[in-house]
């Protein structure tokens, strides 16, 4: 680097990891602030897989994705609804409750998000892009989050299978 030239602060592109970290920080601040460091460490992986990444896998499985900013806005609106309408004193395990709320919300509203993703605006932008009038604006964040969920879920299944297989062989099961 040339000492005569001052360093120019360049804008950083937001990565999927940044999005996941921001959402986990929101969850920690709004719902899990009373957890100790150890409890948060134990719940963090569960929350990451089942609250933050699961919606991406669900959307991808339904055949659509949304931009990263919209994905974050959807989850933040779900968190706000939980904070407003949830019965905080009755909840014993916040990570499980958050998982259920997020999954119920997506199962109930996925068609709205699908319609939004496949709207006329999206079709018009795609047509303009094919004509060369518009730069390609594809946001692969949700696809990356869906892939991360798949990896985390598949790794968990492999551990369970490998722990169960020796017992199957001893008992003579062929599964």
Protein backbone atom coordinates (compact mmCIF):
# COMPACT_ATOMS: atom_id res chain seq x y z
CA UNK A 1 0.00 0.00 0.00
CA UNK A 2 1.26 3.42 -0.90
CA UNK A 3 1.73 5.58 2.25
CA UNK A 4 1.11 8.79 0.25
CA UNK A 5 -2.39 7.64 -0.64
CA UNK A 6 -5.00 7.45 2.09
CA UNK A 7 -6.89 4.18 2.30
CA UNK A 8 -10.33 4.37 0.77
CA UNK A 9 -13.08 2.80 2.79
CA UNK A 10 -14.88 0.56 0.34
CA UNK A 11 -18.37 -0.69 1.02
CA UNK A 12 -18.47 -4.31 2.00
CA UNK A 13 -20.97 -6.62 0.39
CA UNK A 14 -23.24 -8.27 2.92
CA UNK A 15 -22.63 -12.02 3.15
CA UNK A 16 -25.02 -14.76 4.24
CA UNK A 17 -22.91 -15.19 7.39
CA UNK A 18 -23.46 -11.52 8.27
CA UNK A 19 -27.22 -11.98 7.87
CA UNK A 20 -27.22 -15.09 10.08
CA UNK A 21 -25.13 -13.34 12.73
CA UNK A 22 -27.43 -10.28 12.76
CA UNK A 23 -30.52 -12.45 13.15
CA UNK A 24 -28.92 -14.48 15.93
CA UNK A 25 -27.95 -11.24 17.71
CA UNK A 26 -31.56 -10.09 17.42
CA UNK A 27 -32.82 -13.35 18.89
CA UNK A 28 -30.30 -13.16 21.71
CA UNK A 29 -31.22 -9.56 22.53
CA UNK A 30 -34.99 -9.94 22.31
CA UNK A 31 -35.67 -13.44 23.60
CA UNK A 32 -32.61 -15.07 25.13
CA UNK A 33 -30.94 -12.24 27.05
CA UNK A 34 -31.44 -14.04 30.36
CA UNK A 35 -29.51 -17.12 29.15
CA UNK A 36 -26.03 -17.66 30.47
CA UNK A 37 -23.15 -17.89 28.03
CA UNK A 38 -23.20 -21.68 28.30
CA UNK A 39 -26.95 -21.91 27.71
CA UNK A 40 -26.69 -19.57 24.72
CA UNK A 41 -23.84 -21.63 23.30
CA UNK A 42 -25.99 -24.74 23.54
CA UNK A 43 -29.07 -23.08 22.03
CA UNK A 44 -27.25 -21.12 19.30
CA UNK A 45 -26.77 -24.05 16.92
CA UNK A 46 -30.42 -25.12 17.35
CA UNK A 47 -31.61 -21.56 16.68
CA UNK A 48 -29.33 -21.18 13.69
CA UNK A 49 -30.54 -24.40 12.08
CA UNK A 50 -34.24 -24.32 13.01
CA UNK A 51 -35.11 -20.61 13.21
CA UNK A 52 -32.69 -18.70 10.97
CA UNK A 53 -31.83 -21.22 8.22
CA UNK A 54 -34.99 -23.34 8.09
CA UNK A 55 -37.11 -20.69 6.29
CA UNK A 56 -34.54 -20.53 3.48
CA UNK A 57 -34.68 -24.30 3.01
CA UNK A 58 -38.49 -24.17 3.11
CA UNK A 59 -38.65 -21.40 0.49
CA UNK A 60 -36.09 -23.10 -1.73
CA UNK A 61 -38.08 -26.32 -1.47
CA UNK A 62 -41.21 -24.46 -2.61
CA UNK A 63 -39.32 -23.17 -5.65
CA UNK A 64 -38.68 -19.53 -4.81
CA UNK A 65 -36.25 -17.25 -3.02
CA UNK A 66 -36.35 -13.66 -1.87
CA UNK A 67 -33.57 -11.07 -1.62
CA UNK A 68 -31.53 -11.07 1.59
CA UNK A 69 -33.07 -7.80 2.81
CA UNK A 70 -36.58 -9.20 2.36
CA UNK A 71 -35.61 -12.47 4.09
CA UNK A 72 -34.32 -10.51 7.07
CA UNK A 73 -37.45 -8.30 7.09
CA UNK A 74 -39.71 -11.37 7.13
CA UNK A 75 -37.92 -12.91 10.10
CA UNK A 76 -37.75 -9.61 11.97
CA UNK A 77 -41.50 -9.13 11.49
CA UNK A 78 -42.11 -12.62 12.87
CA UNK A 79 -39.90 -11.79 15.86
CA UNK A 80 -41.80 -8.52 16.40
CA UNK A 81 -45.12 -10.38 16.30
CA UNK A 82 -43.82 -12.91 18.82
CA UNK A 83 -42.62 -10.10 21.08
CA UNK A 84 -45.99 -8.34 20.81
CA UNK A 85 -48.38 -11.30 20.98
CA UNK A 86 -46.35 -14.02 22.72
CA UNK A 87 -47.02 -14.96 26.30
CA UNK A 88 -43.50 -14.53 27.63
CA UNK A 89 -44.25 -15.75 31.16
CA UNK A 90 -45.68 -19.07 29.92
CA UNK A 91 -42.72 -19.94 27.67
CA UNK A 92 -40.27 -22.36 29.23
CA UNK A 93 -37.89 -22.89 26.29
CA UNK A 94 -37.54 -19.89 23.95
CA UNK A 95 -35.60 -21.65 21.17
CA UNK A 96 -38.32 -24.26 20.71
CA UNK A 97 -41.06 -21.65 20.84
CA UNK A 98 -39.28 -19.48 18.26
CA UNK A 99 -38.84 -22.49 15.98
CA UNK A 100 -42.53 -23.34 16.17
CA UNK A 101 -43.62 -19.74 15.56
CA UNK A 102 -41.31 -19.22 12.57
CA UNK A 103 -42.27 -22.55 11.01
CA UNK A 104 -46.00 -21.96 11.57
CA UNK A 105 -45.70 -18.47 10.08
CA UNK A 106 -43.94 -19.71 6.95
CA UNK A 107 -46.35 -22.61 6.48
CA UNK A 108 -49.25 -20.19 6.75
CA UNK A 109 -47.87 -17.28 4.66
CA UNK A 110 -45.58 -18.96 2.14
CA UNK A 111 -48.01 -18.41 -0.75
CA UNK A 112 -47.91 -14.65 -0.14
CA UNK A 113 -44.11 -14.68 -0.26
CA UNK A 114 -44.19 -16.91 -3.33
CA UNK A 115 -46.52 -14.50 -5.12
CA UNK A 116 -44.29 -11.60 -4.13
CA UNK A 117 -41.19 -13.36 -5.46
CA UNK A 118 -42.89 -14.30 -8.72
CA UNK A 119 -44.70 -10.98 -9.18
CA UNK A 120 -45.03 -8.99 -12.36
CA UNK A 121 -42.12 -6.82 -11.22
CA UNK A 122 -39.86 -9.85 -11.10
CA UNK A 123 -41.04 -10.97 -14.53
CA UNK A 124 -40.45 -7.50 -15.97
CA UNK A 125 -36.96 -7.33 -14.47
CA UNK A 126 -36.16 -10.76 -15.90
CA UNK A 127 -37.40 -9.72 -19.35
CA UNK A 128 -35.32 -6.52 -19.26
CA UNK A 129 -32.30 -8.47 -18.11
CA UNK A 130 -32.64 -10.86 -21.05
CA UNK A 131 -32.86 -7.89 -23.40
CA UNK A 132 -29.63 -6.56 -21.92
CA UNK A 133 -31.24 -3.42 -20.52
CA UNK A 134 -30.72 -4.33 -16.88
CA UNK A 135 -27.77 -5.73 -14.97
CA UNK A 136 -28.37 -9.14 -13.42
CA UNK A 137 -29.42 -8.60 -9.80
CA UNK A 138 -29.69 -12.22 -8.61
CA UNK A 139 -29.29 -12.49 -4.85
CA UNK A 140 -28.03 -15.98 -3.93
CA UNK A 141 -28.26 -15.40 -0.16
CA UNK A 142 -31.38 -17.49 0.48
CA UNK A 143 -30.00 -20.30 -1.70
CA UNK A 144 -26.78 -20.23 0.35
CA UNK A 145 -28.77 -20.31 3.60
CA UNK A 146 -30.84 -23.25 2.31
CA UNK A 147 -27.64 -25.11 1.43
CA UNK A 148 -26.25 -24.39 4.89
CA UNK A 149 -29.42 -25.78 6.49
CA UNK A 150 -29.14 -28.89 4.33
CA UNK A 151 -25.53 -29.42 5.35
CA UNK A 152 -26.30 -28.95 9.05
CA UNK A 153 -29.32 -31.25 8.88
CA UNK A 154 -27.53 -33.94 6.85
CA UNK A 155 -24.54 -33.88 9.20
CA UNK A 156 -26.88 -34.42 12.14
CA UNK A 157 -28.52 -37.40 10.42
CA UNK A 158 -25.12 -38.94 9.61
CA UNK A 159 -24.11 -38.79 13.28
CA UNK A 160 -27.36 -40.45 14.32
CA UNK A 161 -27.06 -43.15 11.66
CA UNK A 162 -23.45 -43.97 12.47
CA UNK A 163 -24.27 -44.26 16.16
CA UNK A 164 -27.18 -46.61 15.43
CA UNK A 165 -25.55 -48.88 12.82
CA UNK A 166 -23.29 -50.93 15.15
CA UNK A 167 -26.33 -51.87 17.24
CA UNK A 168 -28.19 -52.91 14.08
CA UNK A 169 -25.34 -55.20 13.03
CA UNK A 170 -25.16 -56.83 16.45
CA UNK A 171 -28.89 -57.54 16.40
CA UNK A 172 -28.80 -58.76 12.79
CA UNK A 173 -30.99 -55.98 11.31
CA UNK A 174 -30.49 -55.13 7.67
CA UNK A 175 -31.87 -51.65 7.09
